[in-house]
Amino acid sequence: MTHPERVIEAEDTGLRFTTSVNLTRLQELVAEWLELIGEDPEREGLERTPQRVAEAWAFLTRGYRQNLQEIVNGAIFHVEENTMVVVKGIEFYSMCEHHLLPFFGHIHIGYLPQGKILGLSKFARIVDLYARRLQVQERLTQQVAQAIQDLLAPQGVAVVADGIHLCMMMRGVEKQHARTTTSAMLGIFRESPEARDEFYRLLSTTT
């Protein structure tokens, strides 16, 4: 069942966003969940929590209701020079599909064009498109790489993600300093050690 789109102004962030999520039903489920863990959803501090949580989850999972062509919005340009492009340090925030706890970090993207390039801000939007879903870092990394490959048909795409997972920090093994690094190499970056070396060399530069 689909629900009409509504423009929401989230109380706790001030952000405005469009959602077609059934917020009323989400609020009911949050209230029930609070009761199940032993809380009173009607006490003063929790009276508006179901609304806030419903709006937060609509925002955090908005990637399900977006598509690649919509967020790129035609920002693909033709070029003569096919020199490597590297975009470093794109922040991401996502939710682990195993425990519904956050994981976050940075994604670094490189590609070797083949006549087409993408507007730089669109790389951040592509990362958000896939990060704002229930995820695992391995799949997120691959999805970002494949999206760029599908859009531009470049000679190759390289994506590296470095993340911190609260499911390892707040529960379970409770390791506070563990980080996870994943990579996806497509095309020339998979086939050519020289291309991979250039990508990693550019990643390591600080100026």
N, C-alpha and C. Protein backbone atom coordinates (compact mmCIF):
# COMPACT_ATOMS: atom_id res chain seq x y z
N MET A 1 0.85 -1.19 0.00
CA MET A 1 0.00 0.00 0.00
C MET A 1 0.88 1.24 0.00
N THR A 2 0.64 2.18 -0.92
CA THR A 2 1.40 3.41 -0.96
C THR A 2 0.66 4.49 -0.19
N HIS A 3 1.41 5.50 0.25
CA HIS A 3 0.84 6.58 1.02
C HIS A 3 1.19 7.89 0.36
N PRO A 4 0.30 8.88 0.40
CA PRO A 4 0.58 10.16 -0.24
C PRO A 4 1.84 10.79 0.33
N GLU A 5 2.58 11.47 -0.55
CA GLU A 5 3.78 12.14 -0.09
C GLU A 5 3.41 13.32 0.81
N ARG A 6 4.19 13.50 1.87
CA ARG A 6 3.98 14.62 2.78
C ARG A 6 5.31 15.30 3.00
N VAL A 7 5.30 16.62 3.11
CA VAL A 7 6.50 17.36 3.48
C VAL A 7 6.55 17.44 4.99
N ILE A 8 7.64 16.94 5.56
CA ILE A 8 7.80 16.86 7.01
C ILE A 8 8.86 17.85 7.46
N GLU A 9 8.61 18.53 8.56
CA GLU A 9 9.65 19.32 9.21
C GLU A 9 9.95 18.65 10.53
N ALA A 10 11.06 17.93 10.57
CA ALA A 10 11.39 17.14 11.75
C ALA A 10 11.71 18.07 12.93
N GLU A 11 11.02 17.85 14.04
CA GLU A 11 11.13 18.75 15.19
C GLU A 11 12.53 18.79 15.77
N ASP A 12 13.20 17.64 15.79
CA ASP A 12 14.49 17.59 16.48
C ASP A 12 15.66 18.07 15.62
N THR A 13 15.45 18.21 14.30
CA THR A 13 16.56 18.62 13.44
C THR A 13 16.27 19.90 12.67
N GLY A 14 15.00 20.26 12.53
CA GLY A 14 14.65 21.40 11.71
C GLY A 14 14.70 21.13 10.23
N LEU A 15 15.04 19.90 9.83
CA LEU A 15 15.14 19.55 8.43
C LEU A 15 13.77 19.32 7.81
N ARG A 16 13.62 19.75 6.58
CA ARG A 16 12.40 19.49 5.83
C ARG A 16 12.69 18.43 4.78
N PHE A 17 11.82 17.44 4.68
CA PHE A 17 12.02 16.40 3.68
C PHE A 17 10.66 15.82 3.30
N THR A 18 10.64 15.19 2.14
CA THR A 18 9.40 14.59 1.64
C THR A 18 9.41 13.11 1.92
N THR A 19 8.29 12.59 2.40
CA THR A 19 8.21 11.16 2.67
C THR A 19 6.84 10.62 2.30
N SER A 20 6.82 9.37 1.88
CA SER A 20 5.56 8.68 1.64
C SER A 20 5.36 7.55 2.65
N VAL A 21 6.16 7.59 3.71
CA VAL A 21 6.06 6.58 4.76
C VAL A 21 4.78 6.81 5.57
N ASN A 22 4.17 5.72 6.04
CA ASN A 22 3.00 5.81 6.91
C ASN A 22 3.48 6.18 8.32
N LEU A 23 3.61 7.48 8.56
CA LEU A 23 4.16 7.94 9.83
C LEU A 23 3.24 7.60 11.01
N THR A 24 1.93 7.63 10.78
CA THR A 24 1.00 7.30 11.86
C THR A 24 1.21 5.89 12.36
N ARG A 25 1.35 4.95 11.42
CA ARG A 25 1.57 3.55 11.80
C ARG A 25 2.93 3.38 12.48
N LEU A 26 3.94 4.08 11.97
CA LEU A 26 5.25 4.01 12.61
C LEU A 26 5.19 4.50 14.05
N GLN A 27 4.48 5.58 14.28
CA GLN A 27 4.35 6.10 15.64
C GLN A 27 3.70 5.08 16.56
N GLU A 28 2.66 4.40 16.06
CA GLU A 28 1.99 3.38 16.86
C GLU A 28 2.95 2.26 17.23
N LEU A 29 3.78 1.86 16.27
CA LEU A 29 4.74 0.77 16.51
C LEU A 29 5.81 1.19 17.52
N VAL A 30 6.25 2.44 17.44
CA VAL A 30 7.25 2.93 18.40
C VAL A 30 6.66 2.95 19.81
N ALA A 31 5.42 3.40 19.94
CA ALA A 31 4.77 3.42 21.25
C ALA A 31 4.66 2.00 21.82
N GLU A 32 4.30 1.05 20.96
CA GLU A 32 4.20 -0.34 21.41
C GLU A 32 5.57 -0.88 21.82
N TRP A 33 6.59 -0.53 21.05
CA TRP A 33 7.96 -0.98 21.36
C TRP A 33 8.39 -0.43 22.71
N LEU A 34 8.08 0.84 22.99
CA LEU A 34 8.44 1.42 24.28
C LEU A 34 7.78 0.65 25.43
N GLU A 35 6.54 0.27 25.24
CA GLU A 35 5.86 -0.51 26.26
C GLU A 35 6.52 -1.87 26.46
N LEU A 36 6.92 -2.50 25.36
CA LEU A 36 7.51 -3.83 25.43
C LEU A 36 8.84 -3.84 26.17
N ILE A 37 9.58 -2.73 26.13
CA ILE A 37 10.86 -2.70 26.85
C ILE A 37 10.69 -2.20 28.29
N GLY A 38 9.42 -1.95 28.68
CA GLY A 38 9.16 -1.60 30.07
C GLY A 38 8.97 -0.12 30.34
N GLU A 39 8.79 0.68 29.28
CA GLU A 39 8.60 2.12 29.45
C GLU A 39 7.12 2.50 29.37
N ASP A 40 6.85 3.73 29.75
CA ASP A 40 5.51 4.28 29.63
C ASP A 40 5.53 5.35 28.55
N PRO A 41 5.02 5.07 27.35
CA PRO A 41 5.09 6.05 26.26
C PRO A 41 4.29 7.31 26.51
N GLU A 42 3.51 7.35 27.60
CA GLU A 42 2.71 8.53 27.89
C GLU A 42 3.33 9.42 28.97
N ARG A 43 4.47 8.99 29.52
CA ARG A 43 5.09 9.87 30.52
C ARG A 43 5.69 11.09 29.82
N GLU A 44 5.94 12.12 30.60
CA GLU A 44 6.28 13.43 30.03
C GLU A 44 7.44 13.37 29.04
N GLY A 45 8.50 12.72 29.42
CA GLY A 45 9.68 12.71 28.55
C GLY A 45 9.51 11.93 27.26
N LEU A 46 8.49 11.07 27.20
CA LEU A 46 8.31 10.20 26.03
C LEU A 46 7.06 10.53 25.22
N GLU A 47 6.31 11.53 25.65
CA GLU A 47 5.02 11.81 25.00
C GLU A 47 5.16 12.00 23.48
N ARG A 48 6.19 12.69 23.07
CA ARG A 48 6.34 12.97 21.64
C ARG A 48 7.44 12.13 20.99
N THR A 49 7.98 11.19 21.75
CA THR A 49 9.04 10.34 21.20
C THR A 49 8.57 9.51 20.01
N PRO A 50 7.40 8.88 20.03
CA PRO A 50 6.98 8.12 18.85
C PRO A 50 6.95 8.96 17.57
N GLN A 51 6.49 10.20 17.67
CA GLN A 51 6.49 11.07 16.50
C GLN A 51 7.91 11.36 16.04
N ARG A 52 8.79 11.68 16.98
CA ARG A 52 10.16 12.01 16.62
C ARG A 52 10.87 10.81 15.99
N VAL A 53 10.65 9.64 16.56
CA VAL A 53 11.31 8.44 16.03
C VAL A 53 10.78 8.10 14.64
N ALA A 54 9.48 8.22 14.46
CA ALA A 54 8.90 7.94 13.14
C ALA A 54 9.49 8.87 12.09
N GLU A 55 9.58 10.15 12.41
CA GLU A 55 10.15 11.11 11.47
C GLU A 55 11.63 10.84 11.23
N ALA A 56 12.35 10.47 12.29
CA ALA A 56 13.77 10.17 12.14
C ALA A 56 13.99 8.98 11.21
N TRP A 57 13.19 7.93 11.39
CA TRP A 57 13.36 6.74 10.55
C TRP A 57 12.94 7.00 9.11
N ALA A 58 11.95 7.84 8.91
CA ALA A 58 11.59 8.21 7.53
C ALA A 58 12.77 8.92 6.87
N PHE A 59 13.45 9.76 7.62
CA PHE A 59 14.62 10.48 7.09
C PHE A 59 15.80 9.53 6.89
N LEU A 60 16.06 8.68 7.86
CA LEU A 60 17.23 7.80 7.81
C LEU A 60 17.11 6.73 6.73
N THR A 61 15.91 6.43 6.29
CA THR A 61 15.71 5.39 5.27
C THR A 61 15.18 5.97 3.96
N ARG A 62 15.42 7.25 3.73
CA ARG A 62 14.86 7.89 2.54
C ARG A 62 15.46 7.34 1.24
N GLY A 63 16.58 6.65 1.33
CA GLY A 63 17.18 6.07 0.14
C GLY A 63 16.28 5.06 -0.56
N TYR A 64 15.38 4.43 0.18
CA TYR A 64 14.44 3.49 -0.44
C TYR A 64 13.47 4.20 -1.38
N ARG A 65 13.28 5.49 -1.17
CA ARG A 65 12.28 6.23 -1.94
C ARG A 65 12.91 7.22 -2.92
N GLN A 66 14.20 7.00 -3.22
CA GLN A 66 14.90 7.79 -4.22
C GLN A 66 15.41 6.87 -5.31
N ASN A 67 15.77 7.44 -6.45
CA ASN A 67 16.39 6.64 -7.50
C ASN A 67 17.57 7.38 -8.09
N LEU A 68 18.43 6.63 -8.73
CA LEU A 68 19.72 7.14 -9.19
C LEU A 68 19.55 8.28 -10.20
N GLN A 69 18.69 8.10 -11.19
CA GLN A 69 18.53 9.12 -12.21
C GLN A 69 17.99 10.43 -11.63
N GLU A 70 17.12 10.31 -10.65
CA GLU A 70 16.53 11.49 -10.02
C GLU A 70 17.58 12.31 -9.30
N ILE A 71 18.46 11.68 -8.56
CA ILE A 71 19.44 12.45 -7.79
C ILE A 71 20.57 12.98 -8.66
N VAL A 72 20.89 12.28 -9.75
CA VAL A 72 21.94 12.78 -10.66
C VAL A 72 21.42 13.96 -11.47
N ASN A 73 20.15 13.92 -11.85
CA ASN A 73 19.47 15.06 -12.47
C ASN A 73 20.24 15.62 -13.67
N GLY A 74 20.76 14.72 -14.49
CA GLY A 74 21.39 15.14 -15.74
C GLY A 74 22.77 15.72 -15.62
N ALA A 75 23.41 15.66 -14.45
CA ALA A 75 24.72 16.29 -14.26
C ALA A 75 25.86 15.41 -14.76
N ILE A 76 25.75 14.96 -16.00
CA ILE A 76 26.79 14.17 -16.66
C ILE A 76 27.31 15.00 -17.82
N PHE A 77 28.63 15.16 -17.90
CA PHE A 77 29.23 16.06 -18.87
C PHE A 77 30.28 15.32 -19.71
N HIS A 78 30.42 15.73 -20.97
CA HIS A 78 31.38 15.12 -21.87
C HIS A 78 32.73 15.83 -21.75
N VAL A 79 33.79 15.03 -21.80
CA VAL A 79 35.15 15.57 -21.69
C VAL A 79 36.05 14.96 -22.74
N GLU A 80 37.13 15.67 -23.04
CA GLU A 80 38.15 15.17 -23.98
C GLU A 80 39.23 14.42 -23.22
N GLU A 81 39.62 14.99 -22.06
CA GLU A 81 40.70 14.40 -21.27
C GLU A 81 40.13 13.30 -20.37
N ASN A 82 40.82 12.19 -20.33
CA ASN A 82 40.37 11.08 -19.48
C ASN A 82 41.38 10.83 -18.37
N THR A 83 41.52 11.82 -17.48
CA THR A 83 42.43 11.69 -16.36
C THR A 83 41.67 11.23 -15.12
N MET A 84 42.38 10.54 -14.24
CA MET A 84 41.73 9.96 -13.06
C MET A 84 41.12 11.04 -12.17
N VAL A 85 39.93 10.75 -11.68
CA VAL A 85 39.23 11.64 -10.75
C VAL A 85 39.10 10.90 -9.42
N VAL A 86 39.48 11.57 -8.34
CA VAL A 86 39.36 10.98 -7.00
C VAL A 86 38.63 11.98 -6.10
N VAL A 87 37.57 11.52 -5.44
CA VAL A 87 36.82 12.33 -4.47
C VAL A 87 36.98 11.65 -3.12
N LYS A 88 37.62 12.35 -2.19
CA LYS A 88 37.96 11.73 -0.90
C LYS A 88 37.09 12.25 0.23
N GLY A 89 36.91 11.41 1.23
CA GLY A 89 36.34 11.85 2.49
C GLY A 89 34.86 12.19 2.47
N ILE A 90 34.07 11.47 1.68
CA ILE A 90 32.62 11.70 1.68
C ILE A 90 32.04 11.03 2.92
N GLU A 91 31.44 11.81 3.80
CA GLU A 91 30.87 11.25 5.02
C GLU A 91 29.63 10.42 4.70
N PHE A 92 29.47 9.31 5.43
CA PHE A 92 28.23 8.55 5.30
C PHE A 92 27.74 8.14 6.68
N TYR A 93 26.42 8.01 6.78
CA TYR A 93 25.76 7.53 8.00
C TYR A 93 24.73 6.52 7.54
N SER A 94 24.77 5.33 8.13
CA SER A 94 23.84 4.29 7.73
C SER A 94 23.40 3.50 8.96
N MET A 95 22.48 2.55 8.73
CA MET A 95 21.97 1.72 9.81
C MET A 95 22.24 0.26 9.48
N CYS A 96 22.90 -0.42 10.39
CA CYS A 96 23.22 -1.84 10.22
C CYS A 96 21.92 -2.67 10.17
N GLU A 97 21.80 -3.49 9.15
CA GLU A 97 20.58 -4.27 9.01
C GLU A 97 20.47 -5.42 10.01
N HIS A 98 21.55 -5.72 10.70
CA HIS A 98 21.52 -6.84 11.64
C HIS A 98 20.99 -6.44 13.02
N HIS A 99 21.34 -5.22 13.48
CA HIS A 99 20.92 -4.80 14.82
C HIS A 99 20.20 -3.45 14.82
N LEU A 100 20.04 -2.84 13.64
CA LEU A 100 19.43 -1.52 13.53
C LEU A 100 20.16 -0.49 14.38
N LEU A 101 21.47 -0.60 14.40
CA LEU A 101 22.32 0.38 15.06
C LEU A 101 23.14 1.11 13.99
N PRO A 102 23.56 2.34 14.28
CA PRO A 102 24.27 3.12 13.25
C PRO A 102 25.67 2.59 12.96
N PHE A 103 26.10 2.77 11.73
CA PHE A 103 27.52 2.74 11.39
C PHE A 103 27.79 3.92 10.48
N PHE A 104 29.01 4.43 10.55
CA PHE A 104 29.30 5.67 9.85
C PHE A 104 30.79 5.76 9.57
N GLY A 105 31.15 6.67 8.69
CA GLY A 105 32.55 6.83 8.34
C GLY A 105 32.71 7.66 7.09
N HIS A 106 33.69 7.27 6.26
CA HIS A 106 33.99 8.01 5.04
C HIS A 106 34.12 7.06 3.87
N ILE A 107 33.72 7.55 2.71
CA ILE A 107 33.86 6.81 1.46
C ILE A 107 34.73 7.63 0.52
N HIS A 108 35.65 6.95 -0.15
CA HIS A 108 36.54 7.57 -1.12
C HIS A 108 36.28 6.93 -2.48
N ILE A 109 36.15 7.76 -3.50
CA ILE A 109 35.77 7.28 -4.83
C ILE A 109 36.80 7.73 -5.85
N GLY A 110 37.18 6.81 -6.72
CA GLY A 110 38.03 7.16 -7.85
C GLY A 110 37.46 6.54 -9.12
N TYR A 111 37.62 7.22 -10.24
CA TYR A 111 37.22 6.62 -11.51
C TYR A 111 38.08 7.18 -12.63
N LEU A 112 38.22 6.40 -13.66
CA LEU A 112 38.97 6.80 -14.84
C LEU A 112 37.95 6.98 -15.97
N PRO A 113 37.67 8.23 -16.34
CA PRO A 113 36.59 8.49 -17.30
C PRO A 113 36.86 7.88 -18.67
N GLN A 114 35.78 7.77 -19.40
CA GLN A 114 35.85 7.35 -20.80
C GLN A 114 34.90 8.26 -21.59
N GLY A 115 35.25 9.56 -21.56
CA GLY A 115 34.46 10.55 -22.31
C GLY A 115 33.37 11.22 -21.51
N LYS A 116 33.08 10.76 -20.28
CA LYS A 116 32.02 11.36 -19.48
C LYS A 116 32.46 11.50 -18.02
N ILE A 117 32.08 12.62 -17.42
CA ILE A 117 32.33 12.83 -16.00
C ILE A 117 31.03 13.22 -15.32
N LEU A 118 31.03 13.14 -14.00
CA LEU A 118 29.84 13.44 -13.19
C LEU A 118 30.12 14.66 -12.33
N GLY A 119 29.10 15.55 -12.19
CA GLY A 119 29.24 16.68 -11.29
C GLY A 119 29.66 16.22 -9.90
N LEU A 120 30.61 16.91 -9.29
CA LEU A 120 31.25 16.40 -8.07
C LEU A 120 30.27 16.21 -6.92
N SER A 121 29.30 17.11 -6.78
CA SER A 121 28.37 16.97 -5.65
C SER A 121 27.52 15.72 -5.76
N LYS A 122 27.40 15.17 -6.96
CA LYS A 122 26.55 14.00 -7.15
C LYS A 122 27.14 12.75 -6.52
N PHE A 123 28.45 12.74 -6.31
CA PHE A 123 29.04 11.57 -5.65
C PHE A 123 28.54 11.46 -4.21
N ALA A 124 28.44 12.60 -3.53
CA ALA A 124 27.89 12.58 -2.17
C ALA A 124 26.43 12.13 -2.17
N ARG A 125 25.68 12.56 -3.18
CA ARG A 125 24.27 12.17 -3.26
C ARG A 125 24.13 10.67 -3.54
N ILE A 126 25.02 10.13 -4.36
CA ILE A 126 24.99 8.68 -4.62
C ILE A 126 25.30 7.91 -3.34
N VAL A 127 26.30 8.37 -2.60
CA VAL A 127 26.61 7.71 -1.33
C VAL A 127 25.39 7.72 -0.42
N ASP A 128 24.72 8.87 -0.29
CA ASP A 128 23.54 8.96 0.57
C ASP A 128 22.40 8.07 0.08
N LEU A 129 22.24 7.98 -1.24
CA LEU A 129 21.17 7.15 -1.80
C LEU A 129 21.22 5.73 -1.25
N TYR A 130 22.42 5.18 -1.17
CA TYR A 130 22.57 3.79 -0.70
C TYR A 130 22.82 3.69 0.80
N ALA A 131 23.42 4.72 1.39
CA ALA A 131 23.67 4.68 2.84
C ALA A 131 22.38 4.83 3.63
N ARG A 132 21.42 5.58 3.09
CA ARG A 132 20.17 5.83 3.82
C ARG A 132 19.18 4.69 3.60
N ARG A 133 19.66 3.50 3.87
CA ARG A 133 18.86 2.27 3.84
C ARG A 133 19.43 1.36 4.92
N LEU A 134 18.75 0.27 5.21
CA LEU A 134 19.37 -0.74 6.07
C LEU A 134 20.48 -1.39 5.26
N GLN A 135 21.68 -1.47 5.84
CA GLN A 135 22.83 -1.82 5.03
C GLN A 135 23.82 -2.71 5.78
N VAL A 136 24.75 -3.27 5.01
CA VAL A 136 26.03 -3.74 5.51
C VAL A 136 27.09 -2.98 4.70
N GLN A 137 28.22 -2.74 5.30
CA GLN A 137 29.23 -1.89 4.65
C GLN A 137 29.72 -2.50 3.34
N GLU A 138 29.83 -3.82 3.32
CA GLU A 138 30.32 -4.47 2.10
C GLU A 138 29.41 -4.19 0.90
N ARG A 139 28.10 -4.29 1.13
CA ARG A 139 27.17 -4.05 0.03
C ARG A 139 27.11 -2.58 -0.34
N LEU A 140 27.15 -1.70 0.66
CA LEU A 140 27.15 -0.27 0.39
C LEU A 140 28.30 0.11 -0.53
N THR A 141 29.48 -0.40 -0.25
CA THR A 141 30.66 -0.10 -1.06
C THR A 141 30.46 -0.54 -2.50
N GLN A 142 29.95 -1.75 -2.68
CA GLN A 142 29.74 -2.29 -4.03
C GLN A 142 28.65 -1.51 -4.76
N GLN A 143 27.58 -1.14 -4.07
CA GLN A 143 26.48 -0.42 -4.73
C GLN A 143 26.93 0.95 -5.23
N VAL A 144 27.73 1.65 -4.45
CA VAL A 144 28.23 2.95 -4.89
C VAL A 144 29.09 2.78 -6.14
N ALA A 145 29.98 1.80 -6.13
CA ALA A 145 30.83 1.57 -7.30
C ALA A 145 30.01 1.21 -8.53
N GLN A 146 29.04 0.33 -8.36
CA GLN A 146 28.25 -0.12 -9.51
C GLN A 146 27.39 1.01 -10.06
N ALA A 147 26.88 1.88 -9.20
CA ALA A 147 26.07 3.00 -9.66
C ALA A 147 26.89 3.92 -10.57
N ILE A 148 28.12 4.21 -10.17
CA ILE A 148 28.98 5.08 -10.98
C ILE A 148 29.33 4.39 -12.30
N GLN A 149 29.58 3.09 -12.23
CA GLN A 149 29.86 2.32 -13.44
C GLN A 149 28.67 2.37 -14.40
N ASP A 150 27.47 2.20 -13.88
CA ASP A 150 26.27 2.20 -14.72
C ASP A 150 26.01 3.57 -15.33
N LEU A 151 26.28 4.63 -14.56
CA LEU A 151 26.01 5.98 -15.05
C LEU A 151 26.97 6.43 -16.14
N LEU A 152 28.25 6.16 -15.94
CA LEU A 152 29.28 6.78 -16.77
C LEU A 152 29.97 5.82 -17.73
N ALA A 153 29.84 4.52 -17.51
CA ALA A 153 30.60 3.53 -18.28
C ALA A 153 32.07 3.93 -18.40
N PRO A 154 32.73 4.22 -17.28
CA PRO A 154 34.13 4.64 -17.33
C PRO A 154 35.04 3.44 -17.56
N GLN A 155 36.33 3.72 -17.66
CA GLN A 155 37.29 2.62 -17.78
C GLN A 155 37.34 1.78 -16.50
N GLY A 156 37.00 2.40 -15.39
CA GLY A 156 36.95 1.66 -14.13
C GLY A 156 36.55 2.56 -12.98
N VAL A 157 36.14 1.93 -11.88
CA VAL A 157 35.71 2.63 -10.66
C VAL A 157 36.36 1.96 -9.46
N ALA A 158 36.84 2.78 -8.53
CA ALA A 158 37.39 2.28 -7.27
C ALA A 158 36.68 2.97 -6.12
N VAL A 159 36.21 2.20 -5.15
CA VAL A 159 35.54 2.77 -3.97
C VAL A 159 36.12 2.10 -2.73
N VAL A 160 36.51 2.92 -1.76
CA VAL A 160 36.99 2.43 -0.47
C VAL A 160 36.15 3.08 0.61
N ALA A 161 35.65 2.28 1.54
CA ALA A 161 34.86 2.79 2.67
C ALA A 161 35.55 2.41 3.97
N ASP A 162 35.57 3.36 4.90
CA ASP A 162 36.14 3.14 6.23
C ASP A 162 35.07 3.47 7.24
N GLY A 163 34.66 2.48 8.06
CA GLY A 163 33.52 2.69 8.92
C GLY A 163 33.72 2.26 10.37
N ILE A 164 32.93 2.88 11.23
CA ILE A 164 32.85 2.54 12.66
C ILE A 164 31.44 2.03 12.91
N HIS A 165 31.32 0.88 13.58
CA HIS A 165 30.04 0.20 13.73
C HIS A 165 29.65 0.15 15.21
N LEU A 166 28.53 0.79 15.54
CA LEU A 166 28.09 0.79 16.93
C LEU A 166 27.64 -0.59 17.40
N CYS A 167 27.30 -1.49 16.46
CA CYS A 167 26.94 -2.84 16.88
C CYS A 167 28.15 -3.58 17.46
N MET A 168 29.37 -3.11 17.15
CA MET A 168 30.57 -3.67 17.77
C MET A 168 30.99 -2.90 19.01
N MET A 169 30.54 -1.65 19.12
CA MET A 169 30.99 -0.79 20.21
C MET A 169 30.04 -0.79 21.41
N MET A 170 28.73 -0.82 21.15
CA MET A 170 27.74 -0.68 22.21
C MET A 170 27.26 -2.01 22.77
N ARG A 171 27.49 -3.10 22.04
CA ARG A 171 26.97 -4.41 22.44
C ARG A 171 28.00 -5.46 22.02
N GLY A 172 27.67 -6.72 22.26
CA GLY A 172 28.53 -7.79 21.78
C GLY A 172 29.94 -7.70 22.31
N VAL A 173 30.92 -7.59 21.40
CA VAL A 173 32.32 -7.59 21.81
C VAL A 173 32.75 -6.27 22.45
N GLU A 174 31.99 -5.20 22.25
CA GLU A 174 32.26 -3.89 22.86
C GLU A 174 33.69 -3.42 22.64
N LYS A 175 34.13 -3.45 21.41
CA LYS A 175 35.46 -2.97 21.04
C LYS A 175 35.35 -1.55 20.50
N GLN A 176 35.98 -0.62 21.19
CA GLN A 176 35.77 0.80 20.91
C GLN A 176 36.62 1.34 19.77
N HIS A 177 37.66 0.65 19.39
CA HIS A 177 38.59 1.23 18.41
C HIS A 177 38.66 0.42 17.11
N ALA A 178 37.80 -0.55 16.95
CA ALA A 178 37.81 -1.35 15.72
C ALA A 178 37.21 -0.56 14.58
N ARG A 179 37.85 -0.61 13.43
CA ARG A 179 37.36 0.02 12.21
C ARG A 179 37.27 -1.03 11.13
N THR A 180 36.38 -0.81 10.19
CA THR A 180 36.19 -1.75 9.08
C THR A 180 36.46 -1.01 7.77
N THR A 181 37.31 -1.60 6.93
CA THR A 181 37.61 -1.03 5.62
C THR A 181 37.18 -2.02 4.55
N THR A 182 36.42 -1.53 3.57
CA THR A 182 35.97 -2.37 2.46
C THR A 182 36.31 -1.65 1.16
N SER A 183 36.47 -2.44 0.10
CA SER A 183 36.77 -1.84 -1.20
C SER A 183 36.01 -2.57 -2.30
N ALA A 184 35.75 -1.83 -3.38
CA ALA A 184 35.17 -2.40 -4.58
C ALA A 184 35.95 -1.85 -5.76
N MET A 185 36.49 -2.74 -6.58
CA MET A 185 37.30 -2.36 -7.74
C MET A 185 36.64 -2.92 -8.99
N LEU A 186 36.30 -2.04 -9.92
CA LEU A 186 35.68 -2.45 -11.16
C LEU A 186 36.54 -2.01 -12.35
N GLY A 187 36.48 -2.78 -13.43
CA GLY A 187 37.17 -2.41 -14.66
C GLY A 187 38.67 -2.36 -14.49
N ILE A 188 39.28 -1.26 -14.93
CA ILE A 188 40.73 -1.16 -14.95
C ILE A 188 41.34 -1.23 -13.56
N PHE A 189 40.58 -0.85 -12.54
CA PHE A 189 41.12 -0.90 -11.17
C PHE A 189 41.23 -2.34 -10.67
N ARG A 190 40.43 -3.22 -11.20
CA ARG A 190 40.56 -4.63 -10.87
C ARG A 190 41.68 -5.28 -11.68
N GLU A 191 41.80 -4.84 -12.92
CA GLU A 191 42.72 -5.50 -13.85
C GLU A 191 44.15 -4.99 -13.78
N SER A 192 44.34 -3.72 -13.42
CA SER A 192 45.66 -3.08 -13.53
C SER A 192 46.22 -2.69 -12.17
N PRO A 193 47.31 -3.31 -11.74
CA PRO A 193 47.96 -2.89 -10.50
C PRO A 193 48.41 -1.43 -10.56
N GLU A 194 48.80 -0.96 -11.74
CA GLU A 194 49.26 0.43 -11.88
C GLU A 194 48.12 1.41 -11.59
N ALA A 195 46.92 1.10 -12.10
CA ALA A 195 45.77 1.98 -11.84
C ALA A 195 45.43 1.98 -10.35
N ARG A 196 45.44 0.81 -9.73
CA ARG A 196 45.16 0.74 -8.29
C ARG A 196 46.19 1.52 -7.50
N ASP A 197 47.47 1.39 -7.87
CA ASP A 197 48.54 2.10 -7.16
C ASP A 197 48.35 3.61 -7.27
N GLU A 198 47.97 4.09 -8.46
CA GLU A 198 47.76 5.53 -8.62
C GLU A 198 46.59 6.00 -7.76
N PHE A 199 45.53 5.21 -7.72
CA PHE A 199 44.37 5.56 -6.89
C PHE A 199 44.77 5.66 -5.42
N TYR A 200 45.47 4.65 -4.92
CA TYR A 200 45.85 4.67 -3.51
C TYR A 200 46.87 5.77 -3.22
N ARG A 201 47.72 6.08 -4.19
CA ARG A 201 48.67 7.16 -4.00
C ARG A 201 47.93 8.49 -3.87
N LEU A 202 46.93 8.70 -4.74
CA LEU A 202 46.13 9.94 -4.65
C LEU A 202 45.33 10.00 -3.35
N LEU A 203 44.88 8.84 -2.87
CA LEU A 203 44.15 8.81 -1.60
C LEU A 203 45.05 9.25 -0.44
N SER A 204 46.32 8.93 -0.52
CA SER A 204 47.23 9.18 0.59
C SER A 204 47.72 10.62 0.65
N THR A 205 47.50 11.39 -0.42
CA THR A 205 47.96 12.78 -0.43
C THR A 205 47.07 13.62 0.47
N THR A 206 47.67 14.61 1.11
CA THR A 206 46.92 15.46 2.03
C THR A 206 46.76 16.88 1.51
N THR A 207 47.41 17.24 0.42
CA THR A 207 47.28 18.58 -0.14
C THR A 207 46.96 18.49 -1.61
